[in-house]
Structures are given as C-alpha cells and as structure tokens.
Amino acid sequence: MARKDIKDVRRVQLIEATIDSIAKYGFARTTLADVARHAKLSQGIVSFYFDSKEELLIATLRHMVEGYEAFSEAAVRRAGPAPAARLAAMVAADFDPAMASRKQVTVWYAFWGETRWRKEFLDLCTRWSAAYQDRTHAVIQQVIDAGGYEGLDAGAIARGLNAMIDGLWLNILLDPKACDRKEALRVCRTYLAQLFPREFDRRADIASAA
C-alpha cells in the first residue's frame, strides 16, 4: 500500500473512532485518548494526524457530511430519471441503516448542538443544509411539473419535508421503539402521498427501511 493510501486509511480510522467515542461518551467527554483506544492506535498517532481535538472534530464532521451527500446522491442516481422515484430515493436514503442508525443520529445531534458556539461547525452544517434544501426543492419541482400539479410551492414542501426528517431522526434517537426507521419512512411517504397521490402510494412497500 502506498504511503498516501496508508495515511488516508489512518485518518479515516481515527475519524470513525471519533464517531464511536462521541456516540459512547458524548461530545465533551471524548478525548484524544478515547479516540486512540477506539482506533486501537497510540495517542501519538492521533497527534501525528491531527494537531488538536478541535481539528479532529472538524475533520469528523466534514467526513460525515461528505459521506451523507455521497450516499444520497448515489441512491438518487440508482433510482433513474423519474422525478418521483428520485424523490422517494432521497427520502429512503435518509432512513437507511447506514445513515440513520442510532449511533449516527446521536453523533449528528451532538454536532448540531455545538453549532451555536463553534463557527466551523455552523458553517459546515449551514452549507450542507442549504445544499440539501436546494436538491430537495429541485426534485419536488420536477415532480410537480411532471405530474401537472398546480398551486403547490416546491420550496415550502421541501422545507416541510426536511424539517419532518430532522424531527423523525430525533424521534428515532429519543424513543426508537415508538418510531423506528420503517415508521419514519412511512410518515414521510404519507406526507408526500397527500401532495402527490398519483406518485406516492401510502400502501407502498417500504421494507427497505427496516
């Protein structure tokens, strides 16, 4: 393995260990020693790749944002050209186990909770949120145009859908027995079915969220 490849693997290993540590101990209690232990590496290795905990946390948040965007975009590409299928794929990706496990949601909320005090976190999360809103708005507008719907505000629908997804992630975090990924996806599809009844059948199979 080339030296650059080894370096990239080590960085990802440390970032994944940071995610594990935040999920287990919380944001404030996570230390570089915890990260080293979860990664099964020496603390000196952590310090070699990251000058501080702050730098490691920023890299971790960037890694999560980029991973989320790549996962969502890949799901949309696989869905094909039909706007409704692309929208359904975006929503389903949000509740895929890879994106909405309790560990992942815990860490997302940990970072979101720090945005008020950390400008770097706020900037990353704001850009990510705005980009997702733009993508959702665009595909919803395509569904409206393709279906010949009138009097619908694509931007408002997108904003409502995205707020619903954030709230359902919180439900998954607080009470996963009352609201699991399958139930969360059903709720979103019910919302879309009220707006686009021809494209979204509330009885549709959503087993992929399980």
N, C-alpha and C. Protein backbone atom coordinates (compact mmCIF):
# COMPACT_ATOMS: atom_id res chain seq x y z
N MET A 1 0.84 -1.19 0.00
CA MET A 1 0.00 0.00 0.00
C MET A 1 0.88 1.25 0.00
N ALA A 2 0.56 2.20 -0.85
CA ALA A 2 1.34 3.42 -0.95
C ALA A 2 1.23 4.23 0.33
N ARG A 3 2.25 5.07 0.57
CA ARG A 3 2.28 5.87 1.79
C ARG A 3 1.05 6.76 1.91
N LYS A 4 0.64 7.40 0.81
CA LYS A 4 -0.54 8.26 0.83
C LYS A 4 -1.78 7.46 1.20
N ASP A 5 -1.89 6.24 0.64
CA ASP A 5 -3.05 5.40 0.93
C ASP A 5 -3.09 5.03 2.41
N ILE A 6 -1.92 4.72 2.97
CA ILE A 6 -1.85 4.38 4.40
C ILE A 6 -2.29 5.57 5.24
N LYS A 7 -1.84 6.77 4.84
CA LYS A 7 -2.21 7.97 5.57
C LYS A 7 -3.73 8.20 5.52
N ASP A 8 -4.31 8.01 4.34
CA ASP A 8 -5.76 8.18 4.20
C ASP A 8 -6.52 7.16 5.05
N VAL A 9 -6.05 5.92 5.05
CA VAL A 9 -6.70 4.87 5.84
C VAL A 9 -6.62 5.21 7.32
N ARG A 10 -5.47 5.67 7.78
CA ARG A 10 -5.31 6.03 9.18
C ARG A 10 -6.23 7.18 9.57
N ARG A 11 -6.34 8.19 8.71
CA ARG A 11 -7.21 9.33 9.01
C ARG A 11 -8.66 8.88 9.15
N VAL A 12 -9.11 8.04 8.22
CA VAL A 12 -10.49 7.55 8.29
C VAL A 12 -10.68 6.68 9.53
N GLN A 13 -9.67 5.88 9.85
CA GLN A 13 -9.75 5.03 11.04
C GLN A 13 -9.93 5.89 12.30
N LEU A 14 -9.20 6.98 12.37
CA LEU A 14 -9.30 7.87 13.53
C LEU A 14 -10.64 8.61 13.56
N ILE A 15 -11.12 9.01 12.39
CA ILE A 15 -12.42 9.68 12.31
C ILE A 15 -13.54 8.73 12.73
N GLU A 16 -13.50 7.50 12.25
CA GLU A 16 -14.52 6.52 12.64
C GLU A 16 -14.46 6.25 14.14
N ALA A 17 -13.25 6.23 14.69
CA ALA A 17 -13.11 6.04 16.13
C ALA A 17 -13.67 7.23 16.90
N THR A 18 -13.54 8.43 16.33
CA THR A 18 -14.12 9.62 16.96
C THR A 18 -15.64 9.52 16.99
N ILE A 19 -16.23 9.06 15.89
CA ILE A 19 -17.68 8.85 15.84
C ILE A 19 -18.11 7.87 16.93
N ASP A 20 -17.38 6.77 17.06
CA ASP A 20 -17.70 5.77 18.09
C ASP A 20 -17.60 6.38 19.49
N SER A 21 -16.57 7.18 19.70
CA SER A 21 -16.34 7.75 21.02
C SER A 21 -17.42 8.77 21.38
N ILE A 22 -17.80 9.63 20.43
CA ILE A 22 -18.86 10.61 20.69
C ILE A 22 -20.17 9.89 21.00
N ALA A 23 -20.46 8.83 20.24
CA ALA A 23 -21.70 8.09 20.46
C ALA A 23 -21.72 7.42 21.83
N LYS A 24 -20.56 7.03 22.32
CA LYS A 24 -20.49 6.31 23.59
C LYS A 24 -20.37 7.24 24.80
N TYR A 25 -19.53 8.28 24.68
CA TYR A 25 -19.20 9.11 25.83
C TYR A 25 -19.80 10.52 25.77
N GLY A 26 -20.29 10.93 24.61
CA GLY A 26 -20.75 12.29 24.47
C GLY A 26 -19.66 13.19 23.94
N PHE A 27 -20.04 14.39 23.60
CA PHE A 27 -19.14 15.31 22.92
C PHE A 27 -18.02 15.79 23.84
N ALA A 28 -18.40 16.34 24.99
CA ALA A 28 -17.42 16.97 25.87
C ALA A 28 -16.45 15.95 26.47
N ARG A 29 -16.94 14.73 26.72
CA ARG A 29 -16.10 13.74 27.40
C ARG A 29 -15.19 12.97 26.46
N THR A 30 -15.36 13.14 25.17
CA THR A 30 -14.48 12.46 24.21
C THR A 30 -13.10 13.12 24.24
N THR A 31 -12.08 12.31 24.39
CA THR A 31 -10.70 12.80 24.42
C THR A 31 -9.89 12.12 23.33
N LEU A 32 -8.72 12.67 23.05
CA LEU A 32 -7.84 12.04 22.08
C LEU A 32 -7.43 10.64 22.54
N ALA A 33 -7.34 10.45 23.85
CA ALA A 33 -7.01 9.12 24.37
C ALA A 33 -8.14 8.12 24.07
N ASP A 34 -9.39 8.58 24.20
CA ASP A 34 -10.53 7.73 23.85
C ASP A 34 -10.48 7.33 22.38
N VAL A 35 -10.20 8.32 21.54
CA VAL A 35 -10.13 8.07 20.10
C VAL A 35 -9.04 7.04 19.79
N ALA A 36 -7.88 7.22 20.39
CA ALA A 36 -6.78 6.28 20.17
C ALA A 36 -7.16 4.87 20.61
N ARG A 37 -7.85 4.77 21.75
CA ARG A 37 -8.26 3.45 22.24
C ARG A 37 -9.26 2.80 21.31
N HIS A 38 -10.25 3.56 20.83
CA HIS A 38 -11.24 3.00 19.91
C HIS A 38 -10.60 2.61 18.57
N ALA A 39 -9.60 3.37 18.15
CA ALA A 39 -8.93 3.06 16.88
C ALA A 39 -7.87 1.98 17.04
N LYS A 40 -7.57 1.62 18.29
CA LYS A 40 -6.51 0.65 18.60
C LYS A 40 -5.17 1.13 18.07
N LEU A 41 -4.92 2.42 18.29
CA LEU A 41 -3.67 3.05 17.90
C LEU A 41 -3.12 3.82 19.09
N SER A 42 -1.89 4.24 19.00
CA SER A 42 -1.31 5.04 20.09
C SER A 42 -1.81 6.47 20.01
N GLN A 43 -1.79 7.15 21.16
CA GLN A 43 -2.22 8.55 21.16
C GLN A 43 -1.26 9.40 20.33
N GLY A 44 -0.02 8.97 20.24
CA GLY A 44 0.94 9.69 19.42
C GLY A 44 0.55 9.69 17.95
N ILE A 45 -0.06 8.60 17.48
CA ILE A 45 -0.53 8.53 16.09
C ILE A 45 -1.65 9.54 15.87
N VAL A 46 -2.54 9.67 16.84
CA VAL A 46 -3.63 10.65 16.72
C VAL A 46 -3.03 12.05 16.59
N SER A 47 -2.07 12.37 17.43
CA SER A 47 -1.44 13.69 17.41
C SER A 47 -0.65 13.92 16.13
N PHE A 48 -0.17 12.85 15.52
CA PHE A 48 0.58 12.99 14.26
C PHE A 48 -0.35 13.46 13.14
N TYR A 49 -1.58 12.95 13.11
CA TYR A 49 -2.51 13.28 12.04
C TYR A 49 -3.35 14.52 12.34
N PHE A 50 -3.59 14.79 13.62
CA PHE A 50 -4.44 15.92 14.00
C PHE A 50 -3.77 16.69 15.13
N ASP A 51 -3.61 17.99 14.95
CA ASP A 51 -2.90 18.81 15.92
C ASP A 51 -3.69 19.01 17.21
N SER A 52 -5.02 18.86 17.14
CA SER A 52 -5.85 19.11 18.31
C SER A 52 -7.16 18.35 18.19
N LYS A 53 -7.87 18.27 19.31
CA LYS A 53 -9.20 17.67 19.29
C LYS A 53 -10.12 18.45 18.36
N GLU A 54 -9.99 19.78 18.37
CA GLU A 54 -10.84 20.61 17.53
C GLU A 54 -10.64 20.27 16.05
N GLU A 55 -9.39 20.11 15.64
CA GLU A 55 -9.12 19.77 14.24
C GLU A 55 -9.70 18.40 13.89
N LEU A 56 -9.58 17.46 14.80
CA LEU A 56 -10.14 16.12 14.57
C LEU A 56 -11.66 16.18 14.47
N LEU A 57 -12.31 16.98 15.31
CA LEU A 57 -13.77 17.09 15.27
C LEU A 57 -14.25 17.72 13.97
N ILE A 58 -13.56 18.74 13.51
CA ILE A 58 -13.93 19.37 12.23
C ILE A 58 -13.79 18.37 11.10
N ALA A 59 -12.70 17.60 11.11
CA ALA A 59 -12.49 16.59 10.07
C ALA A 59 -13.58 15.52 10.14
N THR A 60 -14.01 15.19 11.36
CA THR A 60 -15.06 14.18 11.54
C THR A 60 -16.38 14.68 10.98
N LEU A 61 -16.74 15.91 11.29
CA LEU A 61 -17.99 16.47 10.77
C LEU A 61 -17.95 16.56 9.25
N ARG A 62 -16.82 17.00 8.70
CA ARG A 62 -16.70 17.07 7.24
C ARG A 62 -16.84 15.69 6.61
N HIS A 63 -16.25 14.68 7.24
CA HIS A 63 -16.35 13.30 6.76
C HIS A 63 -17.80 12.83 6.77
N MET A 64 -18.54 13.16 7.82
CA MET A 64 -19.94 12.75 7.90
C MET A 64 -20.79 13.45 6.84
N VAL A 65 -20.56 14.74 6.65
CA VAL A 65 -21.30 15.48 5.63
C VAL A 65 -21.03 14.91 4.25
N GLU A 66 -19.76 14.71 3.93
CA GLU A 66 -19.41 14.20 2.61
C GLU A 66 -19.94 12.78 2.41
N GLY A 67 -19.89 11.97 3.45
CA GLY A 67 -20.43 10.61 3.35
C GLY A 67 -21.92 10.61 3.14
N TYR A 68 -22.62 11.48 3.84
CA TYR A 68 -24.07 11.58 3.68
C TYR A 68 -24.41 12.01 2.26
N GLU A 69 -23.75 13.04 1.77
CA GLU A 69 -24.05 13.55 0.43
C GLU A 69 -23.77 12.49 -0.63
N ALA A 70 -22.65 11.79 -0.50
CA ALA A 70 -22.31 10.75 -1.47
C ALA A 70 -23.33 9.62 -1.45
N PHE A 71 -23.78 9.23 -0.27
CA PHE A 71 -24.75 8.15 -0.14
C PHE A 71 -26.08 8.56 -0.77
N SER A 72 -26.54 9.77 -0.47
CA SER A 72 -27.81 10.25 -1.00
C SER A 72 -27.76 10.39 -2.52
N GLU A 73 -26.69 10.96 -3.02
CA GLU A 73 -26.57 11.16 -4.47
C GLU A 73 -26.50 9.83 -5.20
N ALA A 74 -25.82 8.84 -4.62
CA ALA A 74 -25.75 7.51 -5.25
C ALA A 74 -27.14 6.87 -5.29
N ALA A 75 -27.91 7.03 -4.22
CA ALA A 75 -29.26 6.47 -4.19
C ALA A 75 -30.13 7.10 -5.27
N VAL A 76 -30.00 8.41 -5.45
CA VAL A 76 -30.79 9.11 -6.47
C VAL A 76 -30.38 8.65 -7.87
N ARG A 77 -29.10 8.48 -8.10
CA ARG A 77 -28.65 8.00 -9.43
C ARG A 77 -29.22 6.62 -9.73
N ARG A 78 -29.23 5.75 -8.74
CA ARG A 78 -29.76 4.40 -8.95
C ARG A 78 -31.26 4.41 -9.23
N ALA A 79 -31.95 5.44 -8.77
CA ALA A 79 -33.41 5.50 -8.92
C ALA A 79 -33.84 5.76 -10.36
N GLY A 80 -32.94 6.27 -11.20
CA GLY A 80 -33.30 6.54 -12.59
C GLY A 80 -33.82 7.94 -12.79
N PRO A 81 -34.38 8.23 -13.96
CA PRO A 81 -34.74 9.61 -14.31
C PRO A 81 -36.09 10.11 -13.79
N ALA A 82 -36.99 9.21 -13.41
CA ALA A 82 -38.33 9.64 -13.00
C ALA A 82 -38.25 10.49 -11.73
N PRO A 83 -38.80 11.72 -11.75
CA PRO A 83 -38.69 12.60 -10.58
C PRO A 83 -39.22 12.00 -9.28
N ALA A 84 -40.37 11.34 -9.34
CA ALA A 84 -40.94 10.77 -8.12
C ALA A 84 -40.04 9.67 -7.54
N ALA A 85 -39.45 8.87 -8.43
CA ALA A 85 -38.54 7.82 -7.97
C ALA A 85 -37.29 8.43 -7.34
N ARG A 86 -36.83 9.53 -7.89
CA ARG A 86 -35.65 10.21 -7.34
C ARG A 86 -35.96 10.80 -5.96
N LEU A 87 -37.14 11.39 -5.83
CA LEU A 87 -37.53 11.93 -4.53
C LEU A 87 -37.69 10.82 -3.50
N ALA A 88 -38.33 9.74 -3.91
CA ALA A 88 -38.50 8.60 -3.00
C ALA A 88 -37.15 8.05 -2.56
N ALA A 89 -36.18 8.02 -3.48
CA ALA A 89 -34.85 7.51 -3.15
C ALA A 89 -34.14 8.42 -2.16
N MET A 90 -34.31 9.73 -2.33
CA MET A 90 -33.70 10.68 -1.38
C MET A 90 -34.22 10.44 0.03
N VAL A 91 -35.54 10.30 0.14
CA VAL A 91 -36.15 10.12 1.46
C VAL A 91 -35.74 8.77 2.05
N ALA A 92 -35.77 7.73 1.23
CA ALA A 92 -35.39 6.40 1.72
C ALA A 92 -33.94 6.39 2.19
N ALA A 93 -33.06 7.11 1.50
CA ALA A 93 -31.66 7.17 1.90
C ALA A 93 -31.51 7.77 3.30
N ASP A 94 -32.37 8.73 3.63
CA ASP A 94 -32.30 9.37 4.95
C ASP A 94 -32.58 8.40 6.07
N PHE A 95 -33.30 7.31 5.79
CA PHE A 95 -33.64 6.36 6.83
C PHE A 95 -33.00 4.99 6.58
N ASP A 96 -32.02 4.97 5.71
CA ASP A 96 -31.23 3.75 5.52
C ASP A 96 -30.40 3.50 6.79
N PRO A 97 -30.19 2.24 7.16
CA PRO A 97 -29.39 1.96 8.36
C PRO A 97 -28.02 2.62 8.35
N ALA A 98 -27.44 2.81 7.16
CA ALA A 98 -26.12 3.43 7.09
C ALA A 98 -26.14 4.89 7.50
N MET A 99 -27.29 5.54 7.33
CA MET A 99 -27.40 6.97 7.62
C MET A 99 -28.15 7.25 8.91
N ALA A 100 -29.07 6.40 9.29
CA ALA A 100 -29.95 6.69 10.42
C ALA A 100 -29.87 5.65 11.52
N SER A 101 -28.70 5.05 11.70
CA SER A 101 -28.53 4.20 12.87
C SER A 101 -28.55 5.09 14.11
N ARG A 102 -28.83 4.53 15.25
CA ARG A 102 -28.89 5.34 16.47
C ARG A 102 -27.54 6.00 16.74
N LYS A 103 -26.47 5.29 16.42
CA LYS A 103 -25.13 5.88 16.62
C LYS A 103 -24.94 7.10 15.73
N GLN A 104 -25.28 6.97 14.45
CA GLN A 104 -25.11 8.09 13.53
C GLN A 104 -25.96 9.28 13.95
N VAL A 105 -27.21 9.04 14.29
CA VAL A 105 -28.10 10.13 14.67
C VAL A 105 -27.61 10.80 15.96
N THR A 106 -27.12 10.00 16.89
CA THR A 106 -26.58 10.56 18.13
C THR A 106 -25.45 11.54 17.84
N VAL A 107 -24.56 11.15 16.94
CA VAL A 107 -23.40 12.00 16.65
C VAL A 107 -23.82 13.24 15.87
N TRP A 108 -24.77 13.08 14.92
CA TRP A 108 -25.27 14.26 14.22
C TRP A 108 -25.81 15.28 15.21
N TYR A 109 -26.63 14.83 16.14
CA TYR A 109 -27.22 15.76 17.10
C TYR A 109 -26.18 16.36 18.03
N ALA A 110 -25.14 15.60 18.33
CA ALA A 110 -24.05 16.15 19.14
C ALA A 110 -23.39 17.33 18.42
N PHE A 111 -23.13 17.16 17.14
CA PHE A 111 -22.52 18.26 16.37
C PHE A 111 -23.49 19.43 16.22
N TRP A 112 -24.74 19.15 15.90
CA TRP A 112 -25.72 20.23 15.74
C TRP A 112 -25.85 21.04 17.03
N GLY A 113 -25.75 20.36 18.16
CA GLY A 113 -25.87 21.05 19.43
C GLY A 113 -24.72 22.00 19.72
N GLU A 114 -23.60 21.81 19.02
CA GLU A 114 -22.44 22.66 19.23
C GLU A 114 -22.34 23.82 18.24
N THR A 115 -23.23 23.85 17.25
CA THR A 115 -23.10 24.87 16.20
C THR A 115 -23.26 26.29 16.73
N ARG A 116 -23.96 26.45 17.82
CA ARG A 116 -24.17 27.79 18.37
C ARG A 116 -22.85 28.41 18.83
N TRP A 117 -21.91 27.57 19.25
CA TRP A 117 -20.66 28.07 19.82
C TRP A 117 -19.44 27.85 18.93
N ARG A 118 -19.57 27.05 17.89
CA ARG A 118 -18.40 26.74 17.05
C ARG A 118 -18.72 27.12 15.60
N LYS A 119 -18.08 28.18 15.14
CA LYS A 119 -18.38 28.71 13.82
C LYS A 119 -18.08 27.69 12.72
N GLU A 120 -17.01 26.93 12.88
CA GLU A 120 -16.66 25.95 11.84
C GLU A 120 -17.77 24.92 11.68
N PHE A 121 -18.34 24.47 12.80
CA PHE A 121 -19.45 23.52 12.74
C PHE A 121 -20.67 24.17 12.09
N LEU A 122 -20.95 25.40 12.50
CA LEU A 122 -22.11 26.11 11.96
C LEU A 122 -21.98 26.29 10.45
N ASP A 123 -20.80 26.68 9.99
CA ASP A 123 -20.60 26.90 8.55
C ASP A 123 -20.80 25.60 7.76
N LEU A 124 -20.22 24.50 8.26
CA LEU A 124 -20.37 23.21 7.57
C LEU A 124 -21.83 22.76 7.53
N CYS A 125 -22.50 22.86 8.67
CA CYS A 125 -23.89 22.40 8.75
C CYS A 125 -24.82 23.29 7.94
N THR A 126 -24.54 24.59 7.92
CA THR A 126 -25.37 25.52 7.15
C THR A 126 -25.24 25.24 5.66
N ARG A 127 -24.01 25.03 5.19
CA ARG A 127 -23.80 24.74 3.76
C ARG A 127 -24.46 23.42 3.38
N TRP A 128 -24.32 22.42 4.25
CA TRP A 128 -24.92 21.12 3.98
C TRP A 128 -26.44 21.22 3.94
N SER A 129 -27.01 21.90 4.90
CA SER A 129 -28.47 22.05 4.96
C SER A 129 -29.00 22.80 3.75
N ALA A 130 -28.31 23.88 3.36
CA ALA A 130 -28.75 24.66 2.21
C ALA A 130 -28.66 23.85 0.93
N ALA A 131 -27.59 23.08 0.78
CA ALA A 131 -27.43 22.26 -0.43
C ALA A 131 -28.52 21.19 -0.49
N TYR A 132 -28.85 20.58 0.65
CA TYR A 132 -29.89 19.55 0.66
C TYR A 132 -31.25 20.16 0.36
N GLN A 133 -31.50 21.34 0.93
CA GLN A 133 -32.75 22.03 0.63
C GLN A 133 -32.87 22.32 -0.86
N ASP A 134 -31.78 22.77 -1.47
CA ASP A 134 -31.80 23.06 -2.91
C ASP A 134 -32.08 21.81 -3.73
N ARG A 135 -31.45 20.70 -3.37
CA ARG A 135 -31.66 19.45 -4.11
C ARG A 135 -33.09 18.96 -3.95
N THR A 136 -33.59 19.03 -2.72
CA THR A 136 -34.97 18.58 -2.47
C THR A 136 -35.97 19.47 -3.21
N HIS A 137 -35.75 20.77 -3.15
CA HIS A 137 -36.60 21.73 -3.85
C HIS A 137 -36.64 21.42 -5.33
N ALA A 138 -35.47 21.17 -5.92
CA ALA A 138 -35.39 20.93 -7.36
C ALA A 138 -36.16 19.68 -7.77
N VAL A 139 -36.00 18.58 -7.02
CA VAL A 139 -36.65 17.35 -7.43
C VAL A 139 -38.16 17.42 -7.16
N ILE A 140 -38.57 18.12 -6.12
CA ILE A 140 -40.00 18.30 -5.87
C ILE A 140 -40.62 19.14 -6.98
N GLN A 141 -39.91 20.16 -7.43
CA GLN A 141 -40.42 20.96 -8.54
C GLN A 141 -40.58 20.10 -9.79
N GLN A 142 -39.67 19.16 -9.99
CA GLN A 142 -39.77 18.25 -11.14
C GLN A 142 -40.99 17.35 -11.01
N VAL A 143 -41.27 16.89 -9.78
CA VAL A 143 -42.46 16.06 -9.55
C VAL A 143 -43.73 16.88 -9.86
N ILE A 144 -43.75 18.12 -9.41
CA ILE A 144 -44.91 18.99 -9.66
C ILE A 144 -45.10 19.20 -11.16
N ASP A 145 -44.03 19.50 -11.87
CA ASP A 145 -44.11 19.76 -13.31
C ASP A 145 -44.53 18.51 -14.07
N ALA A 146 -43.91 17.37 -13.72
CA ALA A 146 -44.21 16.13 -14.44
C ALA A 146 -45.64 15.67 -14.19
N GLY A 147 -46.15 15.93 -12.98
CA GLY A 147 -47.50 15.49 -12.63
C GLY A 147 -48.58 16.48 -12.97
N GLY A 148 -48.20 17.67 -13.44
CA GLY A 148 -49.18 18.67 -13.79
C GLY A 148 -49.92 19.25 -12.60
N TYR A 149 -49.28 19.26 -11.44
CA TYR A 149 -49.91 19.81 -10.24
C TYR A 149 -49.85 21.34 -10.27
N GLU A 150 -50.89 21.97 -9.78
CA GLU A 150 -50.95 23.42 -9.75
C GLU A 150 -51.13 23.92 -8.32
N GLY A 151 -50.61 25.11 -8.07
CA GLY A 151 -50.80 25.73 -6.77
C GLY A 151 -49.95 25.17 -5.66
N LEU A 152 -48.92 24.42 -5.99
CA LEU A 152 -48.03 23.86 -4.97
C LEU A 152 -46.72 24.62 -4.95
N ASP A 153 -46.23 24.92 -3.76
CA ASP A 153 -44.98 25.64 -3.56
C ASP A 153 -43.87 24.62 -3.27
N ALA A 154 -43.02 24.37 -4.25
CA ALA A 154 -41.99 23.34 -4.10
C ALA A 154 -41.03 23.66 -2.96
N GLY A 155 -40.68 24.94 -2.81
CA GLY A 155 -39.76 25.31 -1.73
C GLY A 155 -40.34 25.05 -0.36
N ALA A 156 -41.62 25.39 -0.17
CA ALA A 156 -42.27 25.17 1.11
C ALA A 156 -42.43 23.67 1.40
N ILE A 157 -42.77 22.90 0.37
CA ILE A 157 -42.90 21.45 0.54
C ILE A 157 -41.56 20.84 0.94
N ALA A 158 -40.50 21.29 0.27
CA ALA A 158 -39.16 20.79 0.59
C ALA A 158 -38.78 21.15 2.01
N ARG A 159 -39.07 22.39 2.42
CA ARG A 159 -38.73 22.82 3.78
C ARG A 159 -39.50 21.98 4.80
N GLY A 160 -40.76 21.73 4.53
CA GLY A 160 -41.55 20.92 5.45
C GLY A 160 -41.05 19.49 5.53
N LEU A 161 -40.71 18.92 4.38
CA LEU A 161 -40.21 17.55 4.35
C LEU A 161 -38.90 17.44 5.11
N ASN A 162 -38.00 18.38 4.89
CA ASN A 162 -36.70 18.32 5.55
C ASN A 162 -36.83 18.52 7.06
N ALA A 163 -37.74 19.41 7.48
CA ALA A 163 -37.98 19.59 8.91
C ALA A 163 -38.58 18.31 9.52
N MET A 164 -39.45 17.65 8.76
CA MET A 164 -40.04 16.39 9.21
C MET A 164 -38.97 15.33 9.40
N ILE A 165 -38.05 15.24 8.45
CA ILE A 165 -36.97 14.25 8.54
C ILE A 165 -36.11 14.51 9.77
N ASP A 166 -35.76 15.79 10.01
CA ASP A 166 -34.97 16.12 11.20
C ASP A 166 -35.72 15.70 12.47
N GLY A 167 -37.02 15.99 12.51
CA GLY A 167 -37.81 15.63 13.68
C GLY A 167 -37.92 14.13 13.87
N LEU A 168 -38.04 13.40 12.78
CA LEU A 168 -38.13 11.94 12.87
C LEU A 168 -36.80 11.33 13.30
N TRP A 169 -35.69 11.93 12.87
CA TRP A 169 -34.39 11.48 13.38
C TRP A 169 -34.35 11.65 14.89
N LEU A 170 -34.87 12.77 15.38
CA LEU A 170 -34.89 12.99 16.82
C LEU A 170 -35.78 11.95 17.51
N ASN A 171 -36.92 11.61 16.90
CA ASN A 171 -37.79 10.57 17.46
C ASN A 171 -37.06 9.23 17.54
N ILE A 172 -36.30 8.91 16.49
CA ILE A 172 -35.52 7.66 16.48
C ILE A 172 -34.51 7.66 17.62
N LEU A 173 -33.92 8.82 17.87
CA LEU A 173 -32.92 8.93 18.93
C LEU A 173 -33.56 8.81 20.31
N LEU A 174 -34.69 9.48 20.51
CA LEU A 174 -35.30 9.53 21.84
C LEU A 174 -36.07 8.27 22.20
N ASP A 175 -36.79 7.71 21.21
CA ASP A 175 -37.63 6.55 21.51
C ASP A 175 -37.70 5.63 20.29
N PRO A 176 -36.64 4.87 20.03
CA PRO A 176 -36.59 4.03 18.82
C PRO A 176 -37.67 2.95 18.79
N LYS A 177 -38.24 2.59 19.94
CA LYS A 177 -39.31 1.59 19.94
C LYS A 177 -40.61 2.18 19.40
N ALA A 178 -40.84 3.46 19.67
CA ALA A 178 -42.06 4.12 19.20
C ALA A 178 -41.93 4.56 17.75
N CYS A 179 -40.72 4.91 17.32
CA CYS A 179 -40.51 5.37 15.95
C CYS A 179 -39.18 4.83 15.44
N ASP A 180 -39.25 3.75 14.66
CA ASP A 180 -38.04 3.22 14.06
C ASP A 180 -37.91 3.75 12.64
N ARG A 181 -36.91 3.29 11.91
CA ARG A 181 -36.67 3.82 10.56
C ARG A 181 -37.83 3.51 9.62
N LYS A 182 -38.42 2.33 9.76
CA LYS A 182 -39.53 1.97 8.89
C LYS A 182 -40.72 2.89 9.12
N GLU A 183 -41.03 3.16 10.38
CA GLU A 183 -42.14 4.04 10.71
C GLU A 183 -41.86 5.47 10.23
N ALA A 184 -40.63 5.91 10.39
CA ALA A 184 -40.27 7.26 9.95
C ALA A 184 -40.45 7.42 8.44
N LEU A 185 -40.04 6.41 7.70
CA LEU A 185 -40.21 6.46 6.25
C LEU A 185 -41.68 6.44 5.87
N ARG A 186 -42.49 5.66 6.60
CA ARG A 186 -43.93 5.62 6.34
C ARG A 186 -44.56 7.00 6.54
N VAL A 187 -44.14 7.70 7.58
CA VAL A 187 -44.66 9.03 7.86
C VAL A 187 -44.34 9.99 6.71
N CYS A 188 -43.11 9.94 6.22
CA CYS A 188 -42.71 10.82 5.11
C CYS A 188 -43.49 10.49 3.84
N ARG A 189 -43.67 9.22 3.58
CA ARG A 189 -44.42 8.84 2.38
C ARG A 189 -45.89 9.23 2.49
N THR A 190 -46.43 9.19 3.70
CA THR A 190 -47.80 9.62 3.91
C THR A 190 -47.94 11.11 3.60
N TYR A 191 -46.98 11.89 4.04
CA TYR A 191 -46.95 13.33 3.75
C TYR A 191 -46.91 13.57 2.24
N LEU A 192 -46.02 12.86 1.56
CA LEU A 192 -45.89 13.05 0.11
C LEU A 192 -47.13 12.54 -0.63
N ALA A 193 -47.76 11.51 -0.10
CA ALA A 193 -48.96 10.98 -0.75
C ALA A 193 -50.11 11.98 -0.72
N GLN A 194 -50.17 12.82 0.30
CA GLN A 194 -51.22 13.84 0.36
C GLN A 194 -51.03 14.89 -0.73
N LEU A 195 -49.80 15.13 -1.09
CA LEU A 195 -49.47 16.15 -2.09
C LEU A 195 -49.43 15.58 -3.50
N PHE A 196 -48.90 14.36 -3.59
CA PHE A 196 -48.71 13.73 -4.90
C PHE A 196 -49.33 12.33 -4.88
N PRO A 197 -50.66 12.26 -4.86
CA PRO A 197 -51.33 10.96 -4.68
C PRO A 197 -51.06 9.97 -5.80
N ARG A 198 -50.81 10.46 -7.01
CA ARG A 198 -50.57 9.53 -8.12
C ARG A 198 -49.17 8.92 -8.05
N GLU A 199 -48.24 9.62 -7.45
CA GLU A 199 -46.86 9.15 -7.41
C GLU A 199 -46.49 8.37 -6.15
N PHE A 200 -47.19 8.66 -5.04
CA PHE A 200 -46.82 8.04 -3.77
C PHE A 200 -48.02 7.32 -3.17
N ASP A 201 -47.95 6.00 -3.24
CA ASP A 201 -49.00 5.15 -2.69
C ASP A 201 -48.65 4.85 -1.24
N ARG A 202 -49.51 5.23 -0.31
CA ARG A 202 -49.22 5.02 1.11
C ARG A 202 -49.11 3.55 1.47
N ARG A 203 -49.62 2.68 0.62
CA ARG A 203 -49.51 1.26 0.89
C ARG A 203 -48.24 0.65 0.31
N ALA A 204 -47.40 1.52 -0.28
CA ALA A 204 -46.20 1.01 -0.96
C ALA A 204 -45.30 0.26 0.02
N ASP A 205 -44.59 -0.68 -0.52
CA ASP A 205 -43.67 -1.48 0.28
C ASP A 205 -42.49 -0.62 0.69
N ILE A 206 -42.26 -0.47 2.02
CA ILE A 206 -41.14 0.31 2.49
C ILE A 206 -40.23 -0.56 3.37
N ALA A 207 -40.21 -1.82 3.06
CA ALA A 207 -39.42 -2.74 3.87
C ALA A 207 -37.94 -2.40 3.86
N SER A 208 -37.50 -1.67 2.84
CA SER A 208 -36.08 -1.33 2.77
C SER A 208 -35.64 -0.45 3.93
N ALA A 209 -36.60 0.16 4.65
CA ALA A 209 -36.25 1.00 5.79
C ALA A 209 -35.98 0.17 7.05
N ALA A 210 -36.33 -1.10 7.01
CA ALA A 210 -36.18 -1.91 8.21
C ALA A 210 -34.72 -2.17 8.52
